[in-house]
Amino acid sequence: MRVVIAGGHGKVGLRLTRLLGGRGDEVVSLIRHAEQADDVRDAGGTPFVCDLESASEEELAVALDSSADAVVFAAGAGPGSGPERKWTVDYGAAVKLIAAAEATETARYVMLSSIGADPDRQGDDAFSVYLRAKGRADAELMASGLDHTIVRPTFMTDDPGTGRVRIAEHVGEDERVSRDDVAAVLAAVLYRPETAKLVFEVASGVVPIEEAVASVGSRA
């Protein structure tokens, strides 16, 4: 499988690159700065320098070209960024990538979203804008007709992964999950076409990841 990861230098993106490369997939990682390229190569991916905020839909389509089997949006403005960047990255970049996927007929689109994502979230503080931006990006993906899966983890940590999660329509907002395990869920989803058109939340749990993803797919 050839997978393009937007946000390829992010904490989840690099973890996902290692997992996909380890099983023999080809990974193209969209990165903002050329100096991030070595980290991507070390993880097993091929870097493609592309500023998601300023790039056009056409430029993103070049990154995908017509040979990508799937795209994963794992980018984000990141902690410490203000409301404006939450909107231009978490919403704007995700939506441009949707258009690029449509233009290149890349049907499979996996979105790393967030628990609490809500297109109608009120408030002008950075966190409220973030959840509104994620919610609206999710809504546009669902309306696009692409074979989407939207994964909404609860609060993510850098703790070592356990390989076990809980996947449900809703999990507790005060729960946590490691980025290792979130990356593993994304990797599992890519190989489960039956998870297309699904939206689910993820927290730490007791069910092995492959089994948890297979189970949610079987209920589709």
N, C-alpha and C. Protein backbone atom coordinates (compact mmCIF):
# COMPACT_ATOMS: atom_id res chain seq x y z
N MET A 1 0.84 -1.18 0.00
CA MET A 1 0.00 0.00 0.00
C MET A 1 0.89 1.25 0.00
N ARG A 2 0.50 2.25 -0.79
CA ARG A 2 1.20 3.54 -0.78
C ARG A 2 0.33 4.52 -0.01
N VAL A 3 0.86 5.02 1.10
CA VAL A 3 0.10 5.88 2.01
C VAL A 3 0.78 7.24 2.10
N VAL A 4 0.01 8.31 1.93
CA VAL A 4 0.51 9.66 2.12
C VAL A 4 0.03 10.15 3.48
N ILE A 5 0.97 10.62 4.30
CA ILE A 5 0.64 11.10 5.64
C ILE A 5 0.85 12.60 5.69
N ALA A 6 -0.21 13.34 5.91
CA ALA A 6 -0.11 14.77 6.16
C ALA A 6 0.19 14.97 7.64
N GLY A 7 1.24 15.74 7.91
CA GLY A 7 1.70 15.83 9.29
C GLY A 7 2.67 14.71 9.59
N GLY A 8 3.49 14.38 8.60
CA GLY A 8 4.38 13.23 8.72
C GLY A 8 5.47 13.36 9.75
N HIS A 9 5.77 14.59 10.19
CA HIS A 9 6.79 14.77 11.22
C HIS A 9 6.18 14.90 12.61
N GLY A 10 4.87 14.81 12.71
CA GLY A 10 4.23 14.89 14.02
C GLY A 10 4.47 13.64 14.83
N LYS A 11 4.09 13.71 16.11
CA LYS A 11 4.34 12.58 17.01
C LYS A 11 3.60 11.32 16.58
N VAL A 12 2.38 11.47 16.14
CA VAL A 12 1.63 10.31 15.65
C VAL A 12 2.10 9.94 14.25
N GLY A 13 2.36 10.94 13.42
CA GLY A 13 2.79 10.68 12.05
C GLY A 13 4.05 9.86 11.96
N LEU A 14 5.05 10.19 12.76
CA LEU A 14 6.30 9.42 12.75
C LEU A 14 6.08 8.00 13.26
N ARG A 15 5.26 7.87 14.28
CA ARG A 15 4.96 6.52 14.79
C ARG A 15 4.25 5.68 13.72
N LEU A 16 3.30 6.30 13.05
CA LEU A 16 2.57 5.59 12.01
C LEU A 16 3.49 5.20 10.86
N THR A 17 4.41 6.09 10.50
CA THR A 17 5.37 5.78 9.43
C THR A 17 6.18 4.54 9.77
N ARG A 18 6.64 4.45 11.00
CA ARG A 18 7.43 3.27 11.41
C ARG A 18 6.60 2.00 11.30
N LEU A 19 5.35 2.07 11.72
CA LEU A 19 4.50 0.88 11.67
C LEU A 19 4.23 0.45 10.23
N LEU A 20 3.90 1.41 9.38
CA LEU A 20 3.58 1.07 7.99
C LEU A 20 4.83 0.59 7.25
N GLY A 21 5.95 1.28 7.46
CA GLY A 21 7.19 0.83 6.83
C GLY A 21 7.59 -0.55 7.28
N GLY A 22 7.34 -0.85 8.55
CA GLY A 22 7.69 -2.16 9.09
C GLY A 22 6.90 -3.30 8.48
N ARG A 23 5.73 -3.00 7.94
CA ARG A 23 4.94 -4.08 7.31
C ARG A 23 5.05 -4.03 5.79
N GLY A 24 5.95 -3.16 5.29
CA GLY A 24 6.24 -3.17 3.86
C GLY A 24 5.49 -2.16 3.03
N ASP A 25 4.77 -1.27 3.66
CA ASP A 25 4.06 -0.24 2.91
C ASP A 25 5.02 0.88 2.51
N GLU A 26 4.68 1.59 1.45
CA GLU A 26 5.43 2.78 1.03
C GLU A 26 4.75 3.99 1.64
N VAL A 27 5.53 4.81 2.33
CA VAL A 27 4.98 5.98 3.02
C VAL A 27 5.61 7.25 2.45
N VAL A 28 4.76 8.19 2.07
CA VAL A 28 5.20 9.52 1.69
C VAL A 28 4.71 10.47 2.77
N SER A 29 5.63 11.19 3.40
CA SER A 29 5.29 12.05 4.53
C SER A 29 5.36 13.51 4.12
N LEU A 30 4.26 14.22 4.24
CA LEU A 30 4.23 15.64 3.96
C LEU A 30 4.76 16.38 5.18
N ILE A 31 5.82 17.17 4.99
CA ILE A 31 6.46 17.88 6.09
C ILE A 31 6.56 19.36 5.75
N ARG A 32 6.63 20.18 6.77
CA ARG A 32 6.64 21.63 6.55
C ARG A 32 8.05 22.15 6.28
N HIS A 33 9.05 21.55 6.91
CA HIS A 33 10.42 22.07 6.82
C HIS A 33 11.37 20.99 6.30
N ALA A 34 12.30 21.38 5.43
CA ALA A 34 13.24 20.43 4.85
C ALA A 34 14.12 19.78 5.91
N GLU A 35 14.41 20.50 7.00
CA GLU A 35 15.26 19.92 8.05
C GLU A 35 14.59 18.78 8.80
N GLN A 36 13.31 18.55 8.56
CA GLN A 36 12.62 17.42 9.18
C GLN A 36 12.77 16.13 8.38
N ALA A 37 13.39 16.23 7.21
CA ALA A 37 13.42 15.10 6.28
C ALA A 37 14.17 13.90 6.85
N ASP A 38 15.29 14.13 7.54
CA ASP A 38 16.07 13.00 8.05
C ASP A 38 15.27 12.19 9.07
N ASP A 39 14.48 12.86 9.90
CA ASP A 39 13.66 12.14 10.87
C ASP A 39 12.66 11.23 10.16
N VAL A 40 12.10 11.73 9.08
CA VAL A 40 11.14 10.92 8.30
C VAL A 40 11.84 9.73 7.67
N ARG A 41 13.01 9.97 7.09
CA ARG A 41 13.76 8.85 6.47
C ARG A 41 14.14 7.81 7.52
N ASP A 42 14.55 8.28 8.69
CA ASP A 42 14.92 7.34 9.76
C ASP A 42 13.73 6.47 10.17
N ALA A 43 12.53 7.04 10.05
CA ALA A 43 11.31 6.29 10.40
C ALA A 43 10.86 5.37 9.27
N GLY A 44 11.48 5.50 8.08
CA GLY A 44 11.15 4.63 6.97
C GLY A 44 10.28 5.26 5.91
N GLY A 45 10.09 6.58 5.97
CA GLY A 45 9.25 7.25 4.99
C GLY A 45 10.05 8.07 4.00
N THR A 46 9.35 8.54 2.98
CA THR A 46 9.93 9.43 1.98
C THR A 46 9.39 10.82 2.22
N PRO A 47 10.25 11.80 2.53
CA PRO A 47 9.75 13.14 2.83
C PRO A 47 9.33 13.89 1.58
N PHE A 48 8.29 14.70 1.72
CA PHE A 48 7.82 15.57 0.65
C PHE A 48 7.52 16.91 1.31
N VAL A 49 8.35 17.91 1.02
CA VAL A 49 8.21 19.21 1.67
C VAL A 49 7.00 19.94 1.09
N CYS A 50 6.06 20.27 1.97
CA CYS A 50 4.81 20.89 1.53
C CYS A 50 4.17 21.57 2.73
N ASP A 51 4.10 22.87 2.73
CA ASP A 51 3.45 23.61 3.81
C ASP A 51 1.94 23.52 3.63
N LEU A 52 1.30 22.76 4.48
CA LEU A 52 -0.13 22.50 4.32
C LEU A 52 -0.96 23.78 4.40
N GLU A 53 -0.49 24.76 5.14
CA GLU A 53 -1.26 26.00 5.27
C GLU A 53 -1.26 26.82 3.99
N SER A 54 -0.10 26.91 3.36
CA SER A 54 0.02 27.78 2.19
C SER A 54 -0.14 27.04 0.87
N ALA A 55 -0.02 25.74 0.88
CA ALA A 55 -0.11 24.97 -0.37
C ALA A 55 -1.52 25.05 -0.95
N SER A 56 -1.58 25.01 -2.26
CA SER A 56 -2.88 24.96 -2.94
C SER A 56 -3.37 23.52 -3.01
N GLU A 57 -4.63 23.36 -3.37
CA GLU A 57 -5.17 22.01 -3.57
C GLU A 57 -4.39 21.30 -4.68
N GLU A 58 -3.99 22.06 -5.69
CA GLU A 58 -3.26 21.47 -6.82
C GLU A 58 -1.88 20.96 -6.36
N GLU A 59 -1.23 21.72 -5.48
CA GLU A 59 0.08 21.29 -4.97
C GLU A 59 -0.06 20.03 -4.13
N LEU A 60 -1.10 19.96 -3.34
CA LEU A 60 -1.33 18.75 -2.56
C LEU A 60 -1.65 17.56 -3.46
N ALA A 61 -2.33 17.82 -4.55
CA ALA A 61 -2.63 16.74 -5.50
C ALA A 61 -1.36 16.18 -6.11
N VAL A 62 -0.36 17.04 -6.31
CA VAL A 62 0.93 16.56 -6.81
C VAL A 62 1.56 15.59 -5.81
N ALA A 63 1.44 15.91 -4.53
CA ALA A 63 1.99 15.03 -3.50
C ALA A 63 1.30 13.67 -3.52
N LEU A 64 -0.01 13.69 -3.73
CA LEU A 64 -0.74 12.42 -3.77
C LEU A 64 -0.51 11.70 -5.10
N ASP A 65 -0.42 12.43 -6.18
CA ASP A 65 -0.50 11.99 -7.57
C ASP A 65 -1.61 10.95 -7.70
N SER A 66 -1.53 10.06 -8.63
CA SER A 66 -2.64 9.11 -8.80
C SER A 66 -2.30 7.72 -8.30
N SER A 67 -1.17 7.60 -7.60
CA SER A 67 -0.75 6.26 -7.19
C SER A 67 -0.96 6.01 -5.70
N ALA A 68 -1.43 7.01 -4.96
CA ALA A 68 -1.65 6.80 -3.53
C ALA A 68 -2.87 5.91 -3.31
N ASP A 69 -2.74 4.96 -2.43
CA ASP A 69 -3.87 4.11 -2.07
C ASP A 69 -4.70 4.71 -0.95
N ALA A 70 -4.06 5.54 -0.14
CA ALA A 70 -4.76 6.14 0.99
C ALA A 70 -4.01 7.37 1.45
N VAL A 71 -4.74 8.25 2.11
CA VAL A 71 -4.14 9.42 2.74
C VAL A 71 -4.59 9.45 4.19
N VAL A 72 -3.67 9.86 5.05
CA VAL A 72 -3.97 10.01 6.48
C VAL A 72 -3.71 11.46 6.86
N PHE A 73 -4.71 12.11 7.42
CA PHE A 73 -4.50 13.47 7.91
C PHE A 73 -4.18 13.38 9.39
N ALA A 74 -2.90 13.60 9.71
CA ALA A 74 -2.44 13.54 11.10
C ALA A 74 -1.76 14.85 11.48
N ALA A 75 -2.05 15.91 10.74
CA ALA A 75 -1.44 17.21 11.00
C ALA A 75 -2.24 17.96 12.06
N GLY A 76 -1.61 18.97 12.62
CA GLY A 76 -2.30 19.81 13.59
C GLY A 76 -1.46 21.04 13.89
N ALA A 77 -2.13 22.11 14.28
CA ALA A 77 -1.41 23.33 14.60
C ALA A 77 -0.53 23.16 15.82
N GLY A 78 -0.91 22.26 16.71
CA GLY A 78 -0.08 21.95 17.86
C GLY A 78 -0.34 22.83 19.06
N PRO A 79 0.12 22.37 20.24
CA PRO A 79 -0.08 23.14 21.46
C PRO A 79 0.65 24.47 21.39
N GLY A 80 0.05 25.49 21.98
CA GLY A 80 0.68 26.80 21.98
C GLY A 80 0.29 27.67 20.81
N SER A 81 -0.33 27.09 19.79
CA SER A 81 -0.77 27.88 18.64
C SER A 81 -2.10 28.55 18.95
N GLY A 82 -2.34 29.68 18.30
CA GLY A 82 -3.56 30.42 18.56
C GLY A 82 -4.73 29.98 17.72
N PRO A 83 -5.88 30.62 17.93
CA PRO A 83 -7.09 30.23 17.20
C PRO A 83 -6.94 30.29 15.68
N GLU A 84 -6.21 31.28 15.18
CA GLU A 84 -6.09 31.43 13.72
C GLU A 84 -5.44 30.20 13.10
N ARG A 85 -4.37 29.69 13.71
CA ARG A 85 -3.69 28.53 13.14
C ARG A 85 -4.50 27.26 13.36
N LYS A 86 -5.26 27.20 14.43
CA LYS A 86 -6.15 26.04 14.58
C LYS A 86 -7.06 25.95 13.36
N TRP A 87 -7.53 27.10 12.89
CA TRP A 87 -8.46 27.12 11.77
C TRP A 87 -7.76 26.81 10.46
N THR A 88 -6.57 27.39 10.25
CA THR A 88 -5.90 27.20 8.95
C THR A 88 -5.31 25.81 8.80
N VAL A 89 -4.95 25.16 9.90
CA VAL A 89 -4.38 23.81 9.82
C VAL A 89 -5.44 22.75 10.06
N ASP A 90 -6.03 22.77 11.24
CA ASP A 90 -6.93 21.68 11.62
C ASP A 90 -8.20 21.62 10.78
N TYR A 91 -8.60 22.77 10.26
CA TYR A 91 -9.72 22.77 9.31
C TYR A 91 -9.22 22.96 7.88
N GLY A 92 -8.55 24.07 7.62
CA GLY A 92 -8.20 24.44 6.25
C GLY A 92 -7.36 23.41 5.53
N ALA A 93 -6.30 22.94 6.17
CA ALA A 93 -5.43 21.96 5.53
C ALA A 93 -6.15 20.63 5.30
N ALA A 94 -6.96 20.23 6.27
CA ALA A 94 -7.69 18.97 6.12
C ALA A 94 -8.65 19.02 4.94
N VAL A 95 -9.30 20.17 4.76
CA VAL A 95 -10.28 20.30 3.68
C VAL A 95 -9.58 20.38 2.32
N LYS A 96 -8.44 21.07 2.26
CA LYS A 96 -7.68 21.09 1.01
C LYS A 96 -7.23 19.68 0.63
N LEU A 97 -6.88 18.89 1.62
CA LEU A 97 -6.46 17.52 1.34
C LEU A 97 -7.62 16.67 0.86
N ILE A 98 -8.82 16.95 1.36
CA ILE A 98 -10.02 16.27 0.85
C ILE A 98 -10.16 16.55 -0.65
N ALA A 99 -10.02 17.81 -1.03
CA ALA A 99 -10.16 18.18 -2.44
C ALA A 99 -9.07 17.52 -3.28
N ALA A 100 -7.85 17.46 -2.74
CA ALA A 100 -6.76 16.82 -3.47
C ALA A 100 -7.02 15.33 -3.64
N ALA A 101 -7.58 14.70 -2.61
CA ALA A 101 -7.90 13.27 -2.71
C ALA A 101 -8.97 13.03 -3.76
N GLU A 102 -9.95 13.90 -3.80
CA GLU A 102 -10.99 13.77 -4.82
C GLU A 102 -10.41 13.95 -6.22
N ALA A 103 -9.52 14.94 -6.36
CA ALA A 103 -8.95 15.23 -7.68
C ALA A 103 -8.09 14.09 -8.20
N THR A 104 -7.44 13.37 -7.30
CA THR A 104 -6.55 12.27 -7.70
C THR A 104 -7.22 10.91 -7.58
N GLU A 105 -8.51 10.92 -7.22
CA GLU A 105 -9.28 9.68 -7.05
C GLU A 105 -8.64 8.78 -5.99
N THR A 106 -8.13 9.41 -4.94
CA THR A 106 -7.62 8.66 -3.78
C THR A 106 -8.79 8.51 -2.83
N ALA A 107 -9.46 7.39 -2.91
CA ALA A 107 -10.76 7.25 -2.24
C ALA A 107 -10.64 7.10 -0.72
N ARG A 108 -9.53 6.53 -0.26
CA ARG A 108 -9.41 6.20 1.17
C ARG A 108 -8.78 7.37 1.92
N TYR A 109 -9.50 7.89 2.92
CA TYR A 109 -9.05 9.04 3.68
C TYR A 109 -9.29 8.74 5.16
N VAL A 110 -8.22 8.67 5.93
CA VAL A 110 -8.32 8.41 7.36
C VAL A 110 -7.98 9.71 8.09
N MET A 111 -8.87 10.15 8.93
CA MET A 111 -8.73 11.42 9.65
C MET A 111 -8.41 11.15 11.12
N LEU A 112 -7.28 11.72 11.58
CA LEU A 112 -7.01 11.75 13.01
C LEU A 112 -7.69 12.99 13.56
N SER A 113 -8.78 12.79 14.25
CA SER A 113 -9.58 13.89 14.77
C SER A 113 -9.36 14.00 16.28
N SER A 114 -10.38 14.34 17.01
CA SER A 114 -10.25 14.50 18.47
C SER A 114 -11.59 14.24 19.13
N ILE A 115 -11.54 13.66 20.30
CA ILE A 115 -12.75 13.55 21.10
C ILE A 115 -13.25 14.97 21.37
N GLY A 116 -14.54 15.15 21.28
CA GLY A 116 -15.13 16.47 21.50
C GLY A 116 -15.22 17.32 20.25
N ALA A 117 -14.73 16.82 19.12
CA ALA A 117 -14.84 17.59 17.86
C ALA A 117 -16.31 17.89 17.59
N ASP A 118 -16.60 19.16 17.31
CA ASP A 118 -17.99 19.57 17.18
C ASP A 118 -18.06 20.78 16.25
N PRO A 119 -18.69 20.64 15.09
CA PRO A 119 -18.75 21.76 14.15
C PRO A 119 -19.50 22.97 14.69
N ASP A 120 -20.30 22.77 15.74
CA ASP A 120 -21.08 23.86 16.32
C ASP A 120 -20.54 24.32 17.67
N ARG A 121 -19.34 23.91 17.99
CA ARG A 121 -18.74 24.31 19.26
C ARG A 121 -18.65 25.84 19.34
N GLN A 122 -19.09 26.39 20.46
CA GLN A 122 -19.07 27.83 20.66
C GLN A 122 -17.80 28.25 21.39
N GLY A 123 -17.40 29.51 21.21
CA GLY A 123 -16.25 30.04 21.93
C GLY A 123 -15.14 30.47 21.00
N ASP A 124 -14.40 31.48 21.44
CA ASP A 124 -13.30 32.02 20.63
C ASP A 124 -11.94 31.68 21.20
N ASP A 125 -11.88 30.97 22.31
CA ASP A 125 -10.59 30.55 22.84
C ASP A 125 -10.00 29.46 21.95
N ALA A 126 -8.70 29.26 22.06
CA ALA A 126 -7.99 28.36 21.15
C ALA A 126 -8.57 26.94 21.19
N PHE A 127 -8.91 26.43 22.37
CA PHE A 127 -9.39 25.06 22.46
C PHE A 127 -10.77 24.91 21.80
N SER A 128 -11.64 25.89 22.03
CA SER A 128 -12.96 25.83 21.40
C SER A 128 -12.85 25.92 19.88
N VAL A 129 -11.97 26.80 19.40
CA VAL A 129 -11.77 26.92 17.96
C VAL A 129 -11.20 25.62 17.39
N TYR A 130 -10.29 25.00 18.14
CA TYR A 130 -9.72 23.72 17.71
C TYR A 130 -10.81 22.66 17.54
N LEU A 131 -11.68 22.52 18.53
CA LEU A 131 -12.72 21.50 18.45
C LEU A 131 -13.73 21.83 17.35
N ARG A 132 -13.99 23.11 17.14
CA ARG A 132 -14.90 23.50 16.05
C ARG A 132 -14.24 23.22 14.70
N ALA A 133 -12.96 23.54 14.58
CA ALA A 133 -12.24 23.28 13.32
C ALA A 133 -12.20 21.80 13.01
N LYS A 134 -11.89 20.97 14.02
CA LYS A 134 -11.86 19.52 13.80
C LYS A 134 -13.26 19.02 13.42
N GLY A 135 -14.26 19.52 14.10
CA GLY A 135 -15.62 19.08 13.82
C GLY A 135 -16.07 19.43 12.42
N ARG A 136 -15.72 20.62 11.95
CA ARG A 136 -16.14 21.03 10.60
C ARG A 136 -15.35 20.27 9.53
N ALA A 137 -14.07 20.01 9.81
CA ALA A 137 -13.30 19.20 8.86
C ALA A 137 -13.87 17.79 8.78
N ASP A 138 -14.24 17.22 9.93
CA ASP A 138 -14.85 15.90 9.93
C ASP A 138 -16.16 15.91 9.13
N ALA A 139 -16.96 16.95 9.33
CA ALA A 139 -18.24 17.03 8.63
C ALA A 139 -18.05 17.11 7.12
N GLU A 140 -17.06 17.87 6.68
CA GLU A 140 -16.81 17.98 5.24
C GLU A 140 -16.30 16.66 4.68
N LEU A 141 -15.50 15.95 5.47
CA LEU A 141 -15.03 14.64 5.01
C LEU A 141 -16.19 13.66 4.88
N MET A 142 -17.09 13.67 5.86
CA MET A 142 -18.24 12.77 5.81
C MET A 142 -19.15 13.08 4.62
N ALA A 143 -19.21 14.35 4.24
CA ALA A 143 -20.07 14.75 3.13
C ALA A 143 -19.39 14.56 1.77
N SER A 144 -18.12 14.24 1.77
CA SER A 144 -17.35 14.20 0.52
C SER A 144 -17.63 12.98 -0.35
N GLY A 145 -18.05 11.90 0.26
CA GLY A 145 -18.22 10.66 -0.49
C GLY A 145 -16.98 9.79 -0.51
N LEU A 146 -15.86 10.30 0.05
CA LEU A 146 -14.65 9.48 0.14
C LEU A 146 -14.86 8.35 1.14
N ASP A 147 -14.07 7.30 1.01
CA ASP A 147 -14.13 6.18 1.95
C ASP A 147 -13.38 6.57 3.22
N HIS A 148 -14.04 7.32 4.04
CA HIS A 148 -13.38 7.92 5.20
C HIS A 148 -13.54 7.07 6.46
N THR A 149 -12.56 7.17 7.32
CA THR A 149 -12.69 6.70 8.70
C THR A 149 -12.17 7.83 9.57
N ILE A 150 -12.96 8.22 10.55
CA ILE A 150 -12.59 9.32 11.44
C ILE A 150 -12.33 8.74 12.82
N VAL A 151 -11.08 8.89 13.27
CA VAL A 151 -10.63 8.33 14.54
C VAL A 151 -10.47 9.47 15.53
N ARG A 152 -11.20 9.40 16.64
CA ARG A 152 -11.19 10.48 17.62
C ARG A 152 -10.63 9.98 18.95
N PRO A 153 -9.33 10.13 19.14
CA PRO A 153 -8.75 9.70 20.42
C PRO A 153 -9.07 10.68 21.53
N THR A 154 -9.07 10.17 22.74
CA THR A 154 -9.13 11.03 23.91
C THR A 154 -7.74 11.62 24.14
N PHE A 155 -7.48 12.21 25.28
CA PHE A 155 -6.21 12.89 25.53
C PHE A 155 -5.04 11.94 25.28
N MET A 156 -4.11 12.34 24.41
CA MET A 156 -3.00 11.48 24.03
C MET A 156 -1.76 11.75 24.87
N THR A 157 -1.05 10.68 25.20
CA THR A 157 0.17 10.77 26.00
C THR A 157 1.33 10.14 25.24
N ASP A 158 2.53 10.38 25.75
CA ASP A 158 3.73 9.76 25.18
C ASP A 158 4.13 8.50 25.94
N ASP A 159 3.23 7.98 26.75
CA ASP A 159 3.50 6.72 27.46
C ASP A 159 3.66 5.58 26.46
N PRO A 160 4.44 4.57 26.80
CA PRO A 160 4.57 3.42 25.90
C PRO A 160 3.20 2.79 25.61
N GLY A 161 3.03 2.36 24.39
CA GLY A 161 1.77 1.72 24.03
C GLY A 161 1.59 0.38 24.72
N THR A 162 0.34 0.03 24.94
CA THR A 162 0.01 -1.27 25.54
C THR A 162 -0.45 -2.27 24.48
N GLY A 163 -0.80 -1.76 23.27
CA GLY A 163 -1.34 -2.63 22.25
C GLY A 163 -2.79 -2.98 22.48
N ARG A 164 -3.41 -2.32 23.45
CA ARG A 164 -4.80 -2.61 23.80
C ARG A 164 -5.58 -1.30 23.95
N VAL A 165 -6.79 -1.27 23.42
CA VAL A 165 -7.58 -0.04 23.43
C VAL A 165 -9.05 -0.35 23.68
N ARG A 166 -9.79 0.72 23.83
CA ARG A 166 -11.26 0.62 23.83
C ARG A 166 -11.76 1.53 22.73
N ILE A 167 -12.53 0.97 21.81
CA ILE A 167 -13.12 1.72 20.71
C ILE A 167 -14.63 1.70 20.87
N ALA A 168 -15.23 2.88 20.81
CA ALA A 168 -16.67 2.98 20.97
C ALA A 168 -17.15 4.26 20.31
N GLU A 169 -18.45 4.38 20.17
CA GLU A 169 -18.99 5.63 19.64
C GLU A 169 -18.62 6.79 20.56
N HIS A 170 -18.66 6.49 21.87
CA HIS A 170 -18.25 7.51 22.85
C HIS A 170 -17.47 6.84 23.97
N VAL A 171 -16.35 7.47 24.36
CA VAL A 171 -15.60 7.05 25.54
C VAL A 171 -15.53 8.26 26.46
N GLY A 172 -15.06 8.06 27.69
CA GLY A 172 -15.00 9.16 28.64
C GLY A 172 -13.99 10.22 28.25
N GLU A 173 -14.36 11.49 28.36
CA GLU A 173 -13.46 12.57 27.98
C GLU A 173 -12.27 12.69 28.90
N ASP A 174 -12.36 12.11 30.10
CA ASP A 174 -11.25 12.18 31.04
C ASP A 174 -10.29 11.00 30.90
N GLU A 175 -10.54 10.12 29.93
CA GLU A 175 -9.66 8.97 29.72
C GLU A 175 -8.45 9.39 28.89
N ARG A 176 -7.47 8.48 28.79
CA ARG A 176 -6.24 8.77 28.06
C ARG A 176 -5.91 7.60 27.14
N VAL A 177 -5.01 7.86 26.21
CA VAL A 177 -4.53 6.82 25.31
C VAL A 177 -3.15 7.24 24.82
N SER A 178 -2.26 6.28 24.64
CA SER A 178 -0.91 6.62 24.19
C SER A 178 -0.89 6.86 22.69
N ARG A 179 0.03 7.72 22.27
CA ARG A 179 0.19 7.96 20.84
C ARG A 179 0.64 6.69 20.11
N ASP A 180 1.40 5.84 20.78
CA ASP A 180 1.78 4.56 20.17
C ASP A 180 0.53 3.78 19.76
N ASP A 181 -0.43 3.72 20.67
CA ASP A 181 -1.63 2.94 20.39
C ASP A 181 -2.53 3.62 19.36
N VAL A 182 -2.57 4.95 19.36
CA VAL A 182 -3.35 5.66 18.35
C VAL A 182 -2.78 5.39 16.96
N ALA A 183 -1.46 5.45 16.84
CA ALA A 183 -0.82 5.16 15.55
C ALA A 183 -1.14 3.73 15.10
N ALA A 184 -1.14 2.80 16.03
CA ALA A 184 -1.44 1.41 15.70
C ALA A 184 -2.89 1.25 15.26
N VAL A 185 -3.80 2.01 15.85
CA VAL A 185 -5.20 1.98 15.41
C VAL A 185 -5.31 2.50 13.98
N LEU A 186 -4.62 3.60 13.67
CA LEU A 186 -4.65 4.14 12.31
C LEU A 186 -4.11 3.12 11.30
N ALA A 187 -3.03 2.46 11.68
CA ALA A 187 -2.45 1.45 10.79
C ALA A 187 -3.42 0.30 10.56
N ALA A 188 -4.09 -0.12 11.61
CA ALA A 188 -5.05 -1.23 11.48
C ALA A 188 -6.23 -0.83 10.62
N VAL A 189 -6.70 0.40 10.78
CA VAL A 189 -7.84 0.90 10.02
C VAL A 189 -7.54 0.89 8.51
N LEU A 190 -6.32 1.24 8.15
CA LEU A 190 -5.97 1.29 6.73
C LEU A 190 -6.12 -0.06 6.04
N TYR A 191 -5.97 -1.13 6.79
CA TYR A 191 -6.09 -2.48 6.22
C TYR A 191 -7.48 -3.07 6.45
N ARG A 192 -8.40 -2.25 6.92
CA ARG A 192 -9.76 -2.72 7.17
C ARG A 192 -10.75 -1.87 6.38
N PRO A 193 -10.98 -2.18 5.10
CA PRO A 193 -11.90 -1.36 4.30
C PRO A 193 -13.30 -1.30 4.88
N GLU A 194 -13.65 -2.29 5.70
CA GLU A 194 -14.99 -2.28 6.29
C GLU A 194 -15.17 -1.18 7.33
N THR A 195 -14.07 -0.50 7.70
CA THR A 195 -14.20 0.63 8.63
C THR A 195 -14.53 1.94 7.90
N ALA A 196 -14.63 1.89 6.58
CA ALA A 196 -15.01 3.09 5.82
C ALA A 196 -16.39 3.56 6.25
N LYS A 197 -16.56 4.87 6.30
CA LYS A 197 -17.79 5.55 6.68
C LYS A 197 -18.05 5.51 8.18
N LEU A 198 -17.03 5.14 8.97
CA LEU A 198 -17.20 5.06 10.42
C LEU A 198 -16.53 6.23 11.12
N VAL A 199 -17.12 6.63 12.25
CA VAL A 199 -16.54 7.61 13.15
C VAL A 199 -16.55 6.98 14.53
N PHE A 200 -15.39 6.93 15.19
CA PHE A 200 -15.36 6.33 16.53
C PHE A 200 -14.29 6.96 17.40
N GLU A 201 -14.46 6.79 18.70
CA GLU A 201 -13.51 7.32 19.67
C GLU A 201 -12.63 6.20 20.20
N VAL A 202 -11.46 6.59 20.69
CA VAL A 202 -10.46 5.61 21.15
C VAL A 202 -9.90 6.04 22.49
N ALA A 203 -9.81 5.09 23.40
CA ALA A 203 -9.16 5.31 24.69
C ALA A 203 -8.36 4.06 25.02
N SER A 204 -7.52 4.16 26.01
CA SER A 204 -6.81 2.98 26.49
C SER A 204 -7.81 1.95 26.97
N GLY A 205 -7.49 0.67 26.75
CA GLY A 205 -8.44 -0.37 27.12
C GLY A 205 -7.77 -1.71 27.28
N VAL A 206 -8.54 -2.78 27.12
CA VAL A 206 -8.04 -4.13 27.35
C VAL A 206 -8.12 -5.01 26.10
N VAL A 207 -8.73 -4.50 25.02
CA VAL A 207 -8.90 -5.32 23.82
C VAL A 207 -7.72 -5.09 22.87
N PRO A 208 -7.08 -6.16 22.38
CA PRO A 208 -6.00 -5.98 21.42
C PRO A 208 -6.44 -5.12 20.24
N ILE A 209 -5.55 -4.27 19.76
CA ILE A 209 -5.92 -3.27 18.76
C ILE A 209 -6.53 -3.89 17.51
N GLU A 210 -5.90 -4.89 16.94
CA GLU A 210 -6.44 -5.50 15.72
C GLU A 210 -7.84 -6.04 15.96
N GLU A 211 -8.04 -6.64 17.13
CA GLU A 211 -9.36 -7.19 17.44
C GLU A 211 -10.39 -6.07 17.63
N ALA A 212 -9.99 -5.00 18.27
CA ALA A 212 -10.91 -3.87 18.51
C ALA A 212 -11.32 -3.23 17.19
N VAL A 213 -10.35 -3.05 16.26
CA VAL A 213 -10.67 -2.44 14.98
C VAL A 213 -11.52 -3.38 14.14
N ALA A 214 -11.20 -4.68 14.17
CA ALA A 214 -12.02 -5.64 13.43
C ALA A 214 -13.44 -5.67 13.95
N SER A 215 -13.58 -5.54 15.27
CA SER A 215 -14.91 -5.58 15.87
C SER A 215 -15.75 -4.38 15.45
N VAL A 216 -15.16 -3.19 15.48
CA VAL A 216 -15.93 -2.01 15.08
C VAL A 216 -16.28 -2.07 13.60
N GLY A 217 -15.38 -2.66 12.78
CA GLY A 217 -15.68 -2.81 11.37
C GLY A 217 -16.80 -3.79 11.11
N SER A 218 -16.88 -4.82 11.92
CA SER A 218 -17.93 -5.83 11.73
C SER A 218 -19.31 -5.30 12.10
N ARG A 219 -19.33 -4.22 12.88
CA ARG A 219 -20.62 -3.66 13.27
C ARG A 219 -21.11 -2.61 12.29
N ALA A 220 -20.29 -2.33 11.26
CA ALA A 220 -20.68 -1.29 10.29
C ALA A 220 -21.91 -1.70 9.49
